[in-house]
């Protein structure tokens, strides 16, 4: 497993944007996130590259590991 997310949650102020995401992304694999508009695809990707850190009202909870490290 290259990236592991457990109980990942994202809040923008009082808006609970991402709820209890559990996913394993394997090393050397192609992974696609598919879903309707507003379901949290981009929000989850923002967690992976820490773009939510730049949003003052954003709060990320849960565990996201890259190669076993937070």
N, C-alpha and C. Protein backbone atom coordinates (compact mmCIF):
# COMPACT_ATOMS: atom_id res chain seq x y z
N UNK A 1 0.85 -1.18 0.00
CA UNK A 1 0.00 0.00 0.00
C UNK A 1 0.89 1.24 0.00
N UNK A 2 0.68 2.13 -0.96
CA UNK A 2 1.45 3.37 -1.05
C UNK A 2 0.79 4.47 -0.21
N UNK A 3 -0.53 4.63 -0.38
CA UNK A 3 -1.28 5.64 0.37
C UNK A 3 -2.43 4.93 1.07
N UNK A 4 -2.58 5.24 2.35
CA UNK A 4 -3.63 4.63 3.15
C UNK A 4 -4.40 5.73 3.87
N UNK A 5 -5.71 5.74 3.73
CA UNK A 5 -6.56 6.69 4.44
C UNK A 5 -7.52 5.92 5.33
N UNK A 6 -7.63 6.35 6.57
CA UNK A 6 -8.54 5.72 7.53
C UNK A 6 -9.35 6.80 8.23
N UNK A 7 -10.66 6.67 8.13
CA UNK A 7 -11.59 7.60 8.79
C UNK A 7 -11.27 9.06 8.46
N UNK A 8 -10.85 9.32 7.22
CA UNK A 8 -10.53 10.70 6.81
C UNK A 8 -11.81 11.53 6.78
N UNK A 9 -11.74 12.69 7.39
CA UNK A 9 -12.87 13.59 7.44
C UNK A 9 -12.37 15.00 7.19
N UNK A 10 -13.16 15.78 6.47
CA UNK A 10 -12.80 17.18 6.19
C UNK A 10 -13.99 18.06 6.53
N UNK A 11 -13.69 19.14 7.22
CA UNK A 11 -14.68 20.14 7.56
C UNK A 11 -14.23 21.48 6.99
N UNK A 12 -15.16 22.21 6.40
CA UNK A 12 -14.94 23.60 6.02
C UNK A 12 -15.86 24.42 6.90
N UNK A 13 -15.32 24.96 7.98
CA UNK A 13 -16.16 25.62 8.98
C UNK A 13 -17.07 24.58 9.61
N UNK A 14 -18.39 24.79 9.53
CA UNK A 14 -19.35 23.83 10.08
C UNK A 14 -19.82 22.81 9.05
N UNK A 15 -19.39 22.96 7.79
CA UNK A 15 -19.77 22.03 6.73
C UNK A 15 -18.89 20.78 6.77
N UNK A 16 -19.51 19.62 6.97
CA UNK A 16 -18.79 18.34 7.01
C UNK A 16 -18.72 17.83 5.58
N UNK A 17 -17.61 18.11 4.89
CA UNK A 17 -17.50 17.88 3.45
C UNK A 17 -17.12 16.44 3.09
N UNK A 18 -16.35 15.78 3.92
CA UNK A 18 -15.89 14.42 3.63
C UNK A 18 -16.06 13.59 4.90
N UNK A 19 -16.70 12.43 4.78
CA UNK A 19 -17.06 11.66 5.96
C UNK A 19 -16.53 10.23 5.90
N UNK A 20 -15.68 9.89 6.86
CA UNK A 20 -15.22 8.51 7.08
C UNK A 20 -14.72 7.81 5.83
N UNK A 21 -13.74 8.39 5.16
CA UNK A 21 -13.17 7.78 3.96
C UNK A 21 -12.08 6.80 4.36
N UNK A 22 -12.22 5.55 3.92
CA UNK A 22 -11.21 4.51 4.10
C UNK A 22 -10.82 4.02 2.72
N UNK A 23 -9.53 4.14 2.37
CA UNK A 23 -9.09 3.69 1.05
C UNK A 23 -7.62 3.32 1.11
N UNK A 24 -7.25 2.28 0.36
CA UNK A 24 -5.85 1.90 0.15
C UNK A 24 -5.54 2.10 -1.32
N UNK A 25 -4.45 2.79 -1.60
CA UNK A 25 -4.00 2.99 -2.97
C UNK A 25 -2.67 2.27 -3.10
N UNK A 26 -2.64 1.30 -3.99
CA UNK A 26 -1.46 0.46 -4.15
C UNK A 26 -0.35 1.18 -4.90
N UNK A 27 0.89 0.80 -4.59
CA UNK A 27 2.06 1.33 -5.28
C UNK A 27 2.03 0.87 -6.74
N UNK A 28 2.47 1.73 -7.63
CA UNK A 28 2.57 1.42 -9.06
C UNK A 28 1.24 1.00 -9.67
N UNK A 29 0.19 1.69 -9.26
CA UNK A 29 -1.14 1.40 -9.81
C UNK A 29 -1.80 2.71 -10.25
N UNK A 30 -2.75 2.59 -11.13
CA UNK A 30 -3.54 3.74 -11.56
C UNK A 30 -4.85 3.69 -10.79
N UNK A 31 -5.19 4.78 -10.15
CA UNK A 31 -6.41 4.84 -9.35
C UNK A 31 -7.24 6.02 -9.82
N UNK A 32 -8.54 5.79 -9.98
CA UNK A 32 -9.45 6.86 -10.40
C UNK A 32 -10.55 7.02 -9.36
N UNK A 33 -10.92 8.26 -9.10
CA UNK A 33 -12.05 8.56 -8.23
C UNK A 33 -13.17 9.05 -9.13
N UNK A 34 -14.27 8.33 -9.12
CA UNK A 34 -15.39 8.63 -9.99
C UNK A 34 -16.63 8.85 -9.14
N UNK A 35 -17.39 9.89 -9.46
CA UNK A 35 -18.63 10.15 -8.74
C UNK A 35 -19.24 11.44 -9.21
N UNK A 36 -20.45 11.72 -8.74
CA UNK A 36 -21.15 12.93 -9.16
C UNK A 36 -20.51 14.19 -8.59
N UNK A 37 -20.86 15.30 -9.16
CA UNK A 37 -20.38 16.59 -8.70
C UNK A 37 -20.75 16.78 -7.23
N UNK A 38 -19.77 17.23 -6.45
CA UNK A 38 -20.04 17.52 -5.05
C UNK A 38 -19.91 16.35 -4.10
N UNK A 39 -19.41 15.20 -4.58
CA UNK A 39 -19.34 14.03 -3.70
C UNK A 39 -18.04 13.95 -2.90
N UNK A 40 -17.05 14.81 -3.17
CA UNK A 40 -15.83 14.85 -2.36
C UNK A 40 -14.57 14.38 -3.04
N UNK A 41 -14.61 14.15 -4.35
CA UNK A 41 -13.41 13.68 -5.06
C UNK A 41 -12.27 14.67 -4.93
N UNK A 42 -12.51 15.90 -5.27
CA UNK A 42 -11.45 16.93 -5.21
C UNK A 42 -11.06 17.22 -3.78
N UNK A 43 -12.00 17.19 -2.87
CA UNK A 43 -11.69 17.43 -1.46
C UNK A 43 -10.73 16.37 -0.95
N UNK A 44 -10.94 15.11 -1.33
CA UNK A 44 -10.03 14.05 -0.90
C UNK A 44 -8.65 14.24 -1.52
N UNK A 45 -8.59 14.58 -2.79
CA UNK A 45 -7.30 14.82 -3.44
C UNK A 45 -6.56 15.98 -2.78
N UNK A 46 -7.31 17.00 -2.36
CA UNK A 46 -6.70 18.13 -1.65
C UNK A 46 -6.07 17.67 -0.33
N UNK A 47 -6.63 16.64 0.27
CA UNK A 47 -6.04 16.08 1.50
C UNK A 47 -4.70 15.42 1.20
N UNK A 48 -4.64 14.72 0.09
CA UNK A 48 -3.42 13.99 -0.25
C UNK A 48 -2.25 14.92 -0.50
N UNK A 49 -2.49 16.06 -1.13
CA UNK A 49 -1.37 16.97 -1.41
C UNK A 49 -1.33 18.17 -0.46
N UNK A 50 -2.09 18.08 0.64
CA UNK A 50 -2.09 19.05 1.75
C UNK A 50 -2.51 20.45 1.34
N UNK A 51 -3.31 20.55 0.29
CA UNK A 51 -3.82 21.86 -0.12
C UNK A 51 -4.82 22.43 0.89
N UNK A 52 -5.48 21.57 1.67
CA UNK A 52 -6.41 22.07 2.68
C UNK A 52 -5.70 22.82 3.79
N UNK A 53 -4.40 22.61 3.93
CA UNK A 53 -3.63 23.34 4.93
C UNK A 53 -3.62 24.84 4.67
N UNK A 54 -3.86 25.23 3.43
CA UNK A 54 -3.85 26.65 3.08
C UNK A 54 -5.21 27.32 3.25
N UNK A 55 -6.24 26.54 3.59
CA UNK A 55 -7.59 27.07 3.78
C UNK A 55 -7.83 27.27 5.28
N UNK A 56 -8.03 28.52 5.68
CA UNK A 56 -8.13 28.85 7.10
C UNK A 56 -9.27 28.12 7.81
N UNK A 57 -10.38 27.90 7.14
CA UNK A 57 -11.55 27.28 7.78
C UNK A 57 -11.55 25.76 7.66
N UNK A 58 -10.57 25.19 6.97
CA UNK A 58 -10.55 23.73 6.75
C UNK A 58 -9.93 23.01 7.94
N UNK A 59 -10.51 21.85 8.25
CA UNK A 59 -9.98 21.00 9.30
C UNK A 59 -10.02 19.57 8.78
N UNK A 60 -8.90 18.85 8.86
CA UNK A 60 -8.81 17.47 8.39
C UNK A 60 -8.58 16.58 9.60
N UNK A 61 -9.37 15.51 9.69
CA UNK A 61 -9.24 14.55 10.78
C UNK A 61 -9.05 13.15 10.19
N UNK A 62 -8.64 12.23 11.02
CA UNK A 62 -8.39 10.87 10.57
C UNK A 62 -6.92 10.68 10.26
N UNK A 63 -6.62 9.61 9.55
CA UNK A 63 -5.24 9.26 9.25
C UNK A 63 -5.06 9.12 7.75
N UNK A 64 -4.03 9.78 7.22
CA UNK A 64 -3.62 9.60 5.84
C UNK A 64 -2.12 9.35 5.85
N UNK A 65 -1.73 8.17 5.39
CA UNK A 65 -0.33 7.77 5.42
C UNK A 65 0.23 7.60 4.01
N UNK A 66 1.45 8.05 3.81
CA UNK A 66 2.21 7.84 2.58
C UNK A 66 3.41 7.00 2.95
N UNK A 67 3.52 5.81 2.38
CA UNK A 67 4.59 4.87 2.74
C UNK A 67 4.65 4.65 4.25
N UNK A 68 3.49 4.63 4.90
CA UNK A 68 3.43 4.35 6.33
C UNK A 68 3.70 5.54 7.23
N UNK A 69 3.95 6.71 6.65
CA UNK A 69 4.23 7.91 7.45
C UNK A 69 3.10 8.92 7.28
N UNK A 70 2.79 9.62 8.39
CA UNK A 70 1.74 10.63 8.38
C UNK A 70 2.16 11.83 7.53
